[in-house]
Amino acid sequence: MSTLETQLEEHYKKIDPYNIVIGNKYLFVFGNYKIFGVFKKFHKREFSYKKYGELGSHICDISPTGYKVFSLQDIVIRQVDRYFRDIFPYEINIIIGKHLAAM
């Protein structure tokens, strides 16, 4: 049985924790547990490889064995493209998806 994490990895590229932009919206997934919202800041211990990120009021482990990070903008763009594929060209779907993801 596949988890939400494996389903998202099939369709979307994971974001490296070092490439996360503060202020953007992200989806953190670990197994079947998900948290989404605006990324606020990093926490890193001095002598550890673990890195933590703050999303809303949650502090999540985003080291290689922790939460997987996905961009909400990528997810919304793909959903809009799937819905409007027969109506609008791809470039317009991207513009609509970016606008909806910014809301």
PDB file of N, CA and C in Angstrom:
ATOM      1  N   MET A   1       0.846  -1.175   0.000  1.00  0.00           N
ATOM      2  CA  MET A   1       0.000   0.000   0.000  1.00  0.00           C
ATOM      3  C   MET A   1       0.892   1.239   0.000  1.00  0.00           C
ATOM      4  N   SER A   2       0.654   2.135  -0.924  1.00  0.00           N
ATOM      5  CA  SER A   2       1.498   3.319  -1.023  1.00  0.00           C
ATOM      6  C   SER A   2       1.020   4.404  -0.060  1.00  0.00           C
ATOM      7  N   THR A   3       1.965   5.180   0.405  1.00  0.00           N
ATOM      8  CA  THR A   3       1.644   6.280   1.300  1.00  0.00           C
ATOM      9  C   THR A   3       1.496   7.567   0.496  1.00  0.00           C
ATOM     10  N   LEU A   4       1.026   8.585   1.148  1.00  0.00           N
ATOM     11  CA  LEU A   4       0.903   9.895   0.510  1.00  0.00           C
ATOM     12  C   LEU A   4       2.269  10.396   0.050  1.00  0.00           C
ATOM     13  N   GLU A   5       3.282  10.105   0.841  1.00  0.00           N
ATOM     14  CA  GLU A   5       4.651  10.526   0.498  1.00  0.00           C
ATOM     15  C   GLU A   5       5.099   9.911  -0.820  1.00  0.00           C
ATOM     16  N   THR A   6       4.878   8.614  -1.008  1.00  0.00           N
ATOM     17  CA  THR A   6       5.302   7.965  -2.253  1.00  0.00           C
ATOM     18  C   THR A   6       4.458   8.417  -3.443  1.00  0.00           C
ATOM     19  N   GLN A   7       3.181   8.695  -3.231  1.00  0.00           N
ATOM     20  CA  GLN A   7       2.334   9.183  -4.312  1.00  0.00           C
ATOM     21  C   GLN A   7       2.792  10.556  -4.794  1.00  0.00           C
ATOM     22  N   LEU A   8       3.146  11.435  -3.857  1.00  0.00           N
ATOM     23  CA  LEU A   8       3.620  12.764  -4.253  1.00  0.00           C
ATOM     24  C   LEU A   8       4.974  12.680  -4.949  1.00  0.00           C
ATOM     25  N   GLU A   9       5.842  11.772  -4.488  1.00  0.00           N
ATOM     26  CA  GLU A   9       7.160  11.634  -5.116  1.00  0.00           C
ATOM     27  C   GLU A   9       7.063  11.148  -6.549  1.00  0.00           C
ATOM     28  N   GLU A  10       5.982  10.434  -6.891  1.00  0.00           N
ATOM     29  CA  GLU A  10       5.800   9.971  -8.265  1.00  0.00           C
ATOM     30  C   GLU A  10       5.486  11.120  -9.222  1.00  0.00           C
ATOM     31  N   HIS A  11       4.808  12.158  -8.731  1.00  0.00           N
ATOM     32  CA  HIS A  11       4.333  13.225  -9.613  1.00  0.00           C
ATOM     33  C   HIS A  11       5.081  14.543  -9.479  1.00  0.00           C
ATOM     34  N   TYR A  12       5.708  14.791  -8.338  1.00  0.00           N
ATOM     35  CA  TYR A  12       6.348  16.085  -8.092  1.00  0.00           C
ATOM     36  C   TYR A  12       7.788  15.886  -7.652  1.00  0.00           C
ATOM     37  N   LYS A  13       8.619  16.877  -7.952  1.00  0.00           N
ATOM     38  CA  LYS A  13      10.006  16.782  -7.511  1.00  0.00           C
ATOM     39  C   LYS A  13      10.120  17.306  -6.082  1.00  0.00           C
ATOM     40  N   LYS A  14      10.931  16.623  -5.292  1.00  0.00           N
ATOM     41  CA  LYS A  14      11.169  17.059  -3.921  1.00  0.00           C
ATOM     42  C   LYS A  14      12.082  18.276  -3.937  1.00  0.00           C
ATOM     43  N   ILE A  15      11.939  19.115  -2.945  1.00  0.00           N
ATOM     44  CA  ILE A  15      12.775  20.305  -2.823  1.00  0.00           C
ATOM     45  C   ILE A  15      13.829  20.051  -1.757  1.00  0.00           C
ATOM     46  N   ASP A  16      15.057  20.346  -2.092  1.00  0.00           N
ATOM     47  CA  ASP A  16      16.149  20.207  -1.139  1.00  0.00           C
ATOM     48  C   ASP A  16      15.958  21.231  -0.022  1.00  0.00           C
ATOM     49  N   PRO A  17      16.180  20.845   1.233  1.00  0.00           N
ATOM     50  CA  PRO A  17      15.995  21.804   2.334  1.00  0.00           C
ATOM     51  C   PRO A  17      16.818  23.081   2.198  1.00  0.00           C
ATOM     52  N   TYR A  18      17.944  23.005   1.512  1.00  0.00           N
ATOM     53  CA  TYR A  18      18.769  24.203   1.340  1.00  0.00           C
ATOM     54  C   TYR A  18      18.184  25.165   0.314  1.00  0.00           C
ATOM     55  N   ASN A  19      17.237  24.699  -0.497  1.00  0.00           N
ATOM     56  CA  ASN A  19      16.635  25.545  -1.534  1.00  0.00           C
ATOM     57  C   ASN A  19      15.280  26.106  -1.135  1.00  0.00           C
ATOM     58  N   ILE A  20      14.868  25.897   0.119  1.00  0.00           N
ATOM     59  CA  ILE A  20      13.584  26.420   0.578  1.00  0.00           C
ATOM     60  C   ILE A  20      13.697  27.929   0.756  1.00  0.00           C
ATOM     61  N   VAL A  21      12.698  28.647   0.274  1.00  0.00           N
ATOM     62  CA  VAL A  21      12.672  30.107   0.360  1.00  0.00           C
ATOM     63  C   VAL A  21      11.716  30.514   1.476  1.00  0.00           C
ATOM     64  N   ILE A  22      12.181  31.325   2.388  1.00  0.00           N
ATOM     65  CA  ILE A  22      11.344  31.787   3.492  1.00  0.00           C
ATOM     66  C   ILE A  22      10.247  32.679   2.924  1.00  0.00           C
ATOM     67  N   GLY A  23       9.004  32.422   3.326  1.00  0.00           N
ATOM     68  CA  GLY A  23       7.859  33.190   2.847  1.00  0.00           C
ATOM     69  C   GLY A  23       7.052  32.480   1.775  1.00  0.00           C
ATOM     70  N   ASN A  24       7.596  31.435   1.151  1.00  0.00           N
ATOM     71  CA  ASN A  24       6.851  30.668   0.150  1.00  0.00           C
ATOM     72  C   ASN A  24       6.017  29.587   0.836  1.00  0.00           C
ATOM     73  N   LYS A  25       5.007  29.089   0.124  1.00  0.00           N
ATOM     74  CA  LYS A  25       4.135  28.047   0.665  1.00  0.00           C
ATOM     75  C   LYS A  25       4.666  26.676   0.270  1.00  0.00           C
ATOM     76  N   TYR A  26       4.715  25.769   1.251  1.00  0.00           N
ATOM     77  CA  TYR A  26       5.225  24.426   1.015  1.00  0.00           C
ATOM     78  C   TYR A  26       4.327  23.386   1.664  1.00  0.00           C
ATOM     79  N   LEU A  27       4.515  22.155   1.224  1.00  0.00           N
ATOM     80  CA  LEU A  27       3.836  21.003   1.790  1.00  0.00           C
ATOM     81  C   LEU A  27       4.910  20.076   2.353  1.00  0.00           C
ATOM     82  N   PHE A  28       4.855  19.797   3.652  1.00  0.00           N
ATOM     83  CA  PHE A  28       5.780  18.865   4.295  1.00  0.00           C
ATOM     84  C   PHE A  28       5.039  17.551   4.478  1.00  0.00           C
ATOM     85  N   VAL A  29       5.631  16.447   4.011  1.00  0.00           N
ATOM     86  CA  VAL A  29       4.979  15.148   4.078  1.00  0.00           C
ATOM     87  C   VAL A  29       5.933  14.130   4.675  1.00  0.00           C
ATOM     88  N   PHE A  30       5.411  13.321   5.607  1.00  0.00           N
ATOM     89  CA  PHE A  30       6.164  12.200   6.169  1.00  0.00           C
ATOM     90  C   PHE A  30       5.196  11.042   6.310  1.00  0.00           C
ATOM     91  N   GLY A  31       5.337  10.043   5.446  1.00  0.00           N
ATOM     92  CA  GLY A  31       4.388   8.930   5.439  1.00  0.00           C
ATOM     93  C   GLY A  31       3.037   9.422   4.958  1.00  0.00           C
ATOM     94  N   ASN A  32       2.026   9.312   5.811  1.00  0.00           N
ATOM     95  CA  ASN A  32       0.685   9.802   5.482  1.00  0.00           C
ATOM     96  C   ASN A  32       0.342  11.077   6.240  1.00  0.00           C
ATOM     97  N   TYR A  33       1.311  11.686   6.878  1.00  0.00           N
ATOM     98  CA  TYR A  33       1.068  12.904   7.639  1.00  0.00           C
ATOM     99  C   TYR A  33       1.554  14.095   6.833  1.00  0.00           C
ATOM    100  N   LYS A  34       0.726  15.130   6.717  1.00  0.00           N
ATOM    101  CA  LYS A  34       1.117  16.291   5.920  1.00  0.00           C
ATOM    102  C   LYS A  34       0.822  17.584   6.673  1.00  0.00           C
ATOM    103  N   ILE A  35       1.677  18.566   6.448  1.00  0.00           N
ATOM    104  CA  ILE A  35       1.515  19.907   6.993  1.00  0.00           C
ATOM    105  C   ILE A  35       1.770  20.868   5.840  1.00  0.00           C
ATOM    106  N   PHE A  36       0.917  21.863   5.666  1.00  0.00           N
ATOM    107  CA  PHE A  36       1.187  22.838   4.618  1.00  0.00           C
ATOM    108  C   PHE A  36       0.935  24.241   5.137  1.00  0.00           C
ATOM    109  N   GLY A  37       1.671  25.174   4.547  1.00  0.00           N
ATOM    110  CA  GLY A  37       1.552  26.570   4.933  1.00  0.00           C
ATOM    111  C   GLY A  37       2.767  27.359   4.498  1.00  0.00           C
ATOM    112  N   VAL A  38       2.923  28.543   5.069  1.00  0.00           N
ATOM    113  CA  VAL A  38       4.023  29.443   4.728  1.00  0.00           C
ATOM    114  C   VAL A  38       5.240  29.077   5.562  1.00  0.00           C
ATOM    115  N   PHE A  39       6.386  28.932   4.896  1.00  0.00           N
ATOM    116  CA  PHE A  39       7.629  28.589   5.580  1.00  0.00           C
ATOM    117  C   PHE A  39       8.175  29.825   6.288  1.00  0.00           C
ATOM    118  N   LYS A  40       8.485  29.684   7.586  1.00  0.00           N
ATOM    119  CA  LYS A  40       8.883  30.851   8.370  1.00  0.00           C
ATOM    120  C   LYS A  40      10.387  30.958   8.613  1.00  0.00           C
ATOM    121  N   LYS A  41      11.021  29.901   9.125  1.00  0.00           N
ATOM    122  CA  LYS A  41      12.462  30.007   9.405  1.00  0.00           C
ATOM    123  C   LYS A  41      13.084  28.632   9.608  1.00  0.00           C
ATOM    124  N   PHE A  42      14.432  28.622   9.641  1.00  0.00           N
ATOM    125  CA  PHE A  42      15.222  27.417   9.866  1.00  0.00           C
ATOM    126  C   PHE A  42      15.697  27.363  11.303  1.00  0.00           C
ATOM    127  N   HIS A  43      15.864  26.134  11.798  1.00  0.00           N
ATOM    128  CA  HIS A  43      16.531  25.890  13.066  1.00  0.00           C
ATOM    129  C   HIS A  43      17.566  24.809  12.799  1.00  0.00           C
ATOM    130  N   LYS A  44      18.785  25.004  13.250  1.00  0.00           N
ATOM    131  CA  LYS A  44      19.825  23.999  13.047  1.00  0.00           C
ATOM    132  C   LYS A  44      20.645  23.892  14.318  1.00  0.00           C
ATOM    133  N   ARG A  45      20.863  22.664  14.759  1.00  0.00           N
ATOM    134  CA  ARG A  45      21.709  22.445  15.926  1.00  0.00           C
ATOM    135  C   ARG A  45      23.158  22.587  15.517  1.00  0.00           C
ATOM    136  N   GLU A  46      23.981  22.974  16.462  1.00  0.00           N
ATOM    137  CA  GLU A  46      25.366  23.300  16.143  1.00  0.00           C
ATOM    138  C   GLU A  46      26.177  22.091  15.676  1.00  0.00           C
ATOM    139  N   PHE A  47      26.062  20.958  16.372  1.00  0.00           N
ATOM    140  CA  PHE A  47      26.876  19.787  16.030  1.00  0.00           C
ATOM    141  C   PHE A  47      26.007  18.633  15.534  1.00  0.00           C
ATOM    142  N   SER A  48      25.082  18.926  14.653  1.00  0.00           N
ATOM    143  CA  SER A  48      24.174  17.901  14.165  1.00  0.00           C
ATOM    144  C   SER A  48      23.930  18.096  12.673  1.00  0.00           C
ATOM    145  N   TYR A  49      23.610  16.992  12.001  1.00  0.00           N
ATOM    146  CA  TYR A  49      23.253  17.067  10.582  1.00  0.00           C
ATOM    147  C   TYR A  49      21.779  17.388  10.404  1.00  0.00           C
ATOM    148  N   LYS A  50      21.020  17.323  11.478  1.00  0.00           N
ATOM    149  CA  LYS A  50      19.587  17.556  11.371  1.00  0.00           C
ATOM    150  C   LYS A  50      19.291  19.030  11.195  1.00  0.00           C
ATOM    151  N   LYS A  51      18.307  19.286  10.362  1.00  0.00           N
ATOM    152  CA  LYS A  51      17.868  20.639  10.098  1.00  0.00           C
ATOM    153  C   LYS A  51      16.359  20.679  10.310  1.00  0.00           C
ATOM    154  N   TYR A  52      15.899  21.710  10.958  1.00  0.00           N
ATOM    155  CA  TYR A  52      14.476  21.841  11.259  1.00  0.00           C
ATOM    156  C   TYR A  52      13.922  23.079  10.578  1.00  0.00           C
ATOM    157  N   GLY A  53      12.683  22.995  10.156  1.00  0.00           N
ATOM    158  CA  GLY A  53      12.020  24.132   9.543  1.00  0.00           C
ATOM    159  C   GLY A  53      10.727  24.432  10.265  1.00  0.00           C
ATOM    160  N   GLU A  54      10.370  25.689  10.310  1.00  0.00           N
ATOM    161  CA  GLU A  54       9.136  26.098  10.978  1.00  0.00           C
ATOM    162  C   GLU A  54       8.095  26.434   9.928  1.00  0.00           C
ATOM    163  N   LEU A  55       6.980  25.731   9.984  1.00  0.00           N
ATOM    164  CA  LEU A  55       5.881  25.917   9.048  1.00  0.00           C
ATOM    165  C   LEU A  55       4.640  26.176   9.884  1.00  0.00           C
ATOM    166  N   GLY A  56       4.197  27.417   9.880  1.00  0.00           N
ATOM    167  CA  GLY A  56       3.087  27.784  10.753  1.00  0.00           C
ATOM    168  C   GLY A  56       3.545  27.699  12.198  1.00  0.00           C
ATOM    169  N   SER A  57       2.878  26.878  12.994  1.00  0.00           N
ATOM    170  CA  SER A  57       3.266  26.702  14.390  1.00  0.00           C
ATOM    171  C   SER A  57       3.987  25.376  14.612  1.00  0.00           C
ATOM    172  N   HIS A  58       4.322  24.670  13.540  1.00  0.00           N
ATOM    173  CA  HIS A  58       4.977  23.365  13.638  1.00  0.00           C
ATOM    174  C   HIS A  58       6.468  23.486  13.344  1.00  0.00           C
ATOM    175  N   ILE A  59       7.272  22.757  14.095  1.00  0.00           N
ATOM    176  CA  ILE A  59       8.701  22.642  13.788  1.00  0.00           C
ATOM    177  C   ILE A  59       8.923  21.219  13.296  1.00  0.00           C
ATOM    178  N   CYS A  60       9.405  21.086  12.047  1.00  0.00           N
ATOM    179  CA  CYS A  60       9.510  19.790  11.377  1.00  0.00           C
ATOM    180  C   CYS A  60      10.961  19.483  11.032  1.00  0.00           C
ATOM    181  N   ASP A  61      11.328  18.217  11.181  1.00  0.00           N
ATOM    182  CA  ASP A  61      12.654  17.745  10.798  1.00  0.00           C
ATOM    183  C   ASP A  61      12.687  17.594   9.279  1.00  0.00           C
ATOM    184  N   ILE A  62      13.519  18.402   8.604  1.00  0.00           N
ATOM    185  CA  ILE A  62      13.612  18.331   7.139  1.00  0.00           C
ATOM    186  C   ILE A  62      14.978  17.821   6.704  1.00  0.00           C
ATOM    187  N   SER A  63      15.620  17.053   7.593  1.00  0.00           N
ATOM    188  CA  SER A  63      16.865  16.399   7.221  1.00  0.00           C
ATOM    189  C   SER A  63      16.528  15.241   6.275  1.00  0.00           C
ATOM    190  N   PRO A  64      17.510  14.555   5.701  1.00  0.00           N
ATOM    191  CA  PRO A  64      17.205  13.509   4.697  1.00  0.00           C
ATOM    192  C   PRO A  64      16.261  12.408   5.163  1.00  0.00           C
ATOM    193  N   THR A  65      16.211  12.103   6.453  1.00  0.00           N
ATOM    194  CA  THR A  65      15.308  11.053   6.933  1.00  0.00           C
ATOM    195  C   THR A  65      14.000  11.604   7.490  1.00  0.00           C
ATOM    196  N   GLY A  66      13.816  12.910   7.439  1.00  0.00           N
ATOM    197  CA  GLY A  66      12.614  13.527   7.996  1.00  0.00           C
ATOM    198  C   GLY A  66      11.568  13.799   6.936  1.00  0.00           C
ATOM    199  N   TYR A  67      10.899  14.929   7.070  1.00  0.00           N
ATOM    200  CA  TYR A  67       9.830  15.315   6.155  1.00  0.00           C
ATOM    201  C   TYR A  67      10.370  15.568   4.751  1.00  0.00           C
ATOM    202  N   LYS A  68       9.580  15.195   3.754  1.00  0.00           N
ATOM    203  CA  LYS A  68       9.875  15.544   2.369  1.00  0.00           C
ATOM    204  C   LYS A  68       9.153  16.854   2.080  1.00  0.00           C
ATOM    205  N   VAL A  69       9.790  17.728   1.321  1.00  0.00           N
ATOM    206  CA  VAL A  69       9.257  19.063   1.073  1.00  0.00           C
ATOM    207  C   VAL A  69       8.844  19.183  -0.392  1.00  0.00           C
ATOM    208  N   PHE A  70       7.622  19.675  -0.619  1.00  0.00           N
ATOM    209  CA  PHE A  70       7.101  19.908  -1.961  1.00  0.00           C
ATOM    210  C   PHE A  70       6.568  21.330  -2.039  1.00  0.00           C
ATOM    211  N   SER A  71       6.655  21.932  -3.204  1.00  0.00           N
ATOM    212  CA  SER A  71       6.163  23.285  -3.410  1.00  0.00           C
ATOM    213  C   SER A  71       4.666  23.248  -3.696  1.00  0.00           C
ATOM    214  N   LEU A  72       3.893  24.036  -2.968  1.00  0.00           N
ATOM    215  CA  LEU A  72       2.458  24.102  -3.228  1.00  0.00           C
ATOM    216  C   LEU A  72       2.179  24.706  -4.598  1.00  0.00           C
ATOM    217  N   GLN A  73       3.065  25.579  -5.058  1.00  0.00           N
ATOM    218  CA  GLN A  73       2.888  26.186  -6.372  1.00  0.00           C
ATOM    219  C   GLN A  73       2.955  25.123  -7.466  1.00  0.00           C
ATOM    220  N   ASP A  74       3.905  24.189  -7.380  1.00  0.00           N
ATOM    221  CA  ASP A  74       4.000  23.108  -8.363  1.00  0.00           C
ATOM    222  C   ASP A  74       2.743  22.237  -8.364  1.00  0.00           C
ATOM    223  N   ILE A  75       2.221  21.962  -7.176  1.00  0.00           N
ATOM    224  CA  ILE A  75       1.032  21.114  -7.057  1.00  0.00           C
ATOM    225  C   ILE A  75      -0.187  21.810  -7.662  1.00  0.00           C
ATOM    226  N   VAL A  76      -0.363  23.085  -7.361  1.00  0.00           N
ATOM    227  CA  VAL A  76      -1.522  23.826  -7.884  1.00  0.00           C
ATOM    228  C   VAL A  76      -1.424  23.974  -9.402  1.00  0.00           C
ATOM    229  N   ILE A  77      -0.224  24.252  -9.919  1.00  0.00           N
ATOM    230  CA  ILE A  77      -0.056  24.375 -11.377  1.00  0.00           C
ATOM    231  C   ILE A  77      -0.431  23.072 -12.069  1.00  0.00           C
ATOM    232  N   ARG A  78      -0.018  21.945 -11.524  1.00  0.00           N
ATOM    233  CA  ARG A  78      -0.340  20.653 -12.137  1.00  0.00           C
ATOM    234  C   ARG A  78      -1.842  20.379 -12.079  1.00  0.00           C
ATOM    235  N   GLN A  79      -2.478  20.721 -10.954  1.00  0.00           N
ATOM    236  CA  GLN A  79      -3.919  20.513 -10.842  1.00  0.00           C
ATOM    237  C   GLN A  79      -4.685  21.379 -11.841  1.00  0.00           C
ATOM    238  N   VAL A  80      -4.276  22.640 -11.974  1.00  0.00           N
ATOM    239  CA  VAL A  80      -4.935  23.536 -12.935  1.00  0.00           C
ATOM    240  C   VAL A  80      -4.733  23.032 -14.355  1.00  0.00           C
ATOM    241  N   ASP A  81      -3.535  22.568 -14.671  1.00  0.00           N
ATOM    242  CA  ASP A  81      -3.256  22.059 -16.014  1.00  0.00           C
ATOM    243  C   ASP A  81      -4.102  20.827 -16.324  1.00  0.00           C
ATOM    244  N   ARG A  82      -4.260  19.948 -15.353  1.00  0.00           N
ATOM    245  CA  ARG A  82      -5.077  18.760 -15.579  1.00  0.00           C
ATOM    246  C   ARG A  82      -6.539  19.129 -15.788  1.00  0.00           C
ATOM    247  N   TYR A  83      -7.021  20.152 -15.069  1.00  0.00           N
ATOM    248  CA  TYR A  83      -8.423  20.535 -15.168  1.00  0.00           C
ATOM    249  C   TYR A  83      -8.729  21.296 -16.460  1.00  0.00           C
ATOM    250  N   PHE A  84      -7.843  22.216 -16.837  1.00  0.00           N
ATOM    251  CA  PHE A  84      -8.073  23.077 -18.002  1.00  0.00           C
ATOM    252  C   PHE A  84      -7.302  22.638 -19.247  1.00  0.00           C
ATOM    253  N   ARG A  85      -6.771  21.428 -19.269  1.00  0.00           N
ATOM    254  CA  ARG A  85      -5.926  20.971 -20.377  1.00  0.00           C
ATOM    255  C   ARG A  85      -6.603  21.094 -21.731  1.00  0.00           C
ATOM    256  N   ASP A  86      -7.885  20.776 -21.800  1.00  0.00           N
ATOM    257  CA  ASP A  86      -8.600  20.812 -23.079  1.00  0.00           C
ATOM    258  C   ASP A  86      -9.144  22.193 -23.420  1.00  0.00           C
ATOM    259  N   ILE A  87      -9.093  23.118 -22.462  1.00  0.00           N
ATOM    260  CA  ILE A  87      -9.690  24.437 -22.680  1.00  0.00           C
ATOM    261  C   ILE A  87      -8.642  25.491 -23.035  1.00  0.00           C
ATOM    262  N   PHE A  88      -7.575  25.567 -22.239  1.00  0.00           N
ATOM    263  CA  PHE A  88      -6.545  26.594 -22.414  1.00  0.00           C
ATOM    264  C   PHE A  88      -5.207  25.974 -22.767  1.00  0.00           C
ATOM    265  N   PRO A  89      -4.320  26.745 -23.420  1.00  0.00           N
ATOM    266  CA  PRO A  89      -2.959  26.247 -23.645  1.00  0.00           C
ATOM    267  C   PRO A  89      -2.182  26.179 -22.326  1.00  0.00           C
ATOM    268  N   TYR A  90      -1.091  25.433 -22.344  1.00  0.00           N
ATOM    269  CA  TYR A  90      -0.296  25.175 -21.137  1.00  0.00           C
ATOM    270  C   TYR A  90       0.215  26.465 -20.497  1.00  0.00           C
ATOM    271  N   GLU A  91       0.639  27.434 -21.298  1.00  0.00           N
ATOM    272  CA  GLU A  91       1.201  28.676 -20.765  1.00  0.00           C
ATOM    273  C   GLU A  91       0.167  29.448 -19.931  1.00  0.00           C
ATOM    274  N   ILE A  92      -1.070  29.455 -20.375  1.00  0.00           N
ATOM    275  CA  ILE A  92      -2.132  30.133 -19.627  1.00  0.00           C
ATOM    276  C   ILE A  92      -2.442  29.360 -18.349  1.00  0.00           C
ATOM    277  N   ASN A  93      -2.390  28.040 -18.410  1.00  0.00           N
ATOM    278  CA  ASN A  93      -2.607  27.227 -17.209  1.00  0.00           C
ATOM    279  C   ASN A  93      -1.549  27.510 -16.153  1.00  0.00           C
ATOM    280  N   ILE A  94      -0.320  27.742 -16.577  1.00  0.00           N
ATOM    281  CA  ILE A  94       0.744  28.075 -15.627  1.00  0.00           C
ATOM    282  C   ILE A  94       0.452  29.409 -14.950  1.00  0.00           C
ATOM    283  N   ILE A  95       0.003  30.397 -15.716  1.00  0.00           N
ATOM    284  CA  ILE A  95      -0.307  31.710 -15.146  1.00  0.00           C
ATOM    285  C   ILE A  95      -1.459  31.590 -14.143  1.00  0.00           C
ATOM    286  N   ILE A  96      -2.499  30.846 -14.496  1.00  0.00           N
ATOM    287  CA  ILE A  96      -3.633  30.649 -13.593  1.00  0.00           C
ATOM    288  C   ILE A  96      -3.176  29.916 -12.318  1.00  0.00           C
ATOM    289  N   GLY A  97      -2.341  28.888 -12.476  1.00  0.00           N
ATOM    290  CA  GLY A  97      -1.860  28.126 -11.321  1.00  0.00           C
ATOM    291  C   GLY A  97      -1.014  28.979 -10.394  1.00  0.00           C
ATOM    292  N   LYS A  98      -0.140  29.814 -10.944  1.00  0.00           N
ATOM    293  CA  LYS A  98       0.680  30.692 -10.109  1.00  0.00           C
ATOM    294  C   LYS A  98      -0.180  31.688  -9.345  1.00  0.00           C
ATOM    295  N   HIS A  99      -1.210  32.203 -10.028  1.00  0.00           N
ATOM    296  CA  HIS A  99      -2.113  33.156  -9.367  1.00  0.00           C
ATOM    297  C   HIS A  99      -2.863  32.488  -8.216  1.00  0.00           C
ATOM    298  N   LEU A 100      -3.383  31.280  -8.439  1.00  0.00           N
ATOM    299  CA  LEU A 100      -4.116  30.573  -7.389  1.00  0.00           C
ATOM    300  C   LEU A 100      -3.199  30.157  -6.231  1.00  0.00           C
ATOM    301  N   ALA A 101      -1.967  29.809  -6.525  1.00  0.00           N
ATOM    302  CA  ALA A 101      -1.039  29.395  -5.472  1.00  0.00           C
ATOM    303  C   ALA A 101      -0.630  30.581  -4.597  1.00  0.00           C
ATOM    304  N   ALA A 102      -0.661  31.785  -5.148  1.00  0.00           N
ATOM    305  CA  ALA A 102      -0.266  32.965  -4.379  1.00  0.00           C
ATOM    306  C   ALA A 102      -1.348  33.380  -3.394  1.00  0.00           C
ATOM    307  N   MET A 103      -2.576  32.905  -3.587  1.00  0.00           N
ATOM    308  CA  MET A 103      -3.690  33.299  -2.714  1.00  0.00           C
ATOM    309  C   MET A 103      -3.584  32.667  -1.345  1.00  0.00           C
TER     310      MET A 103
END
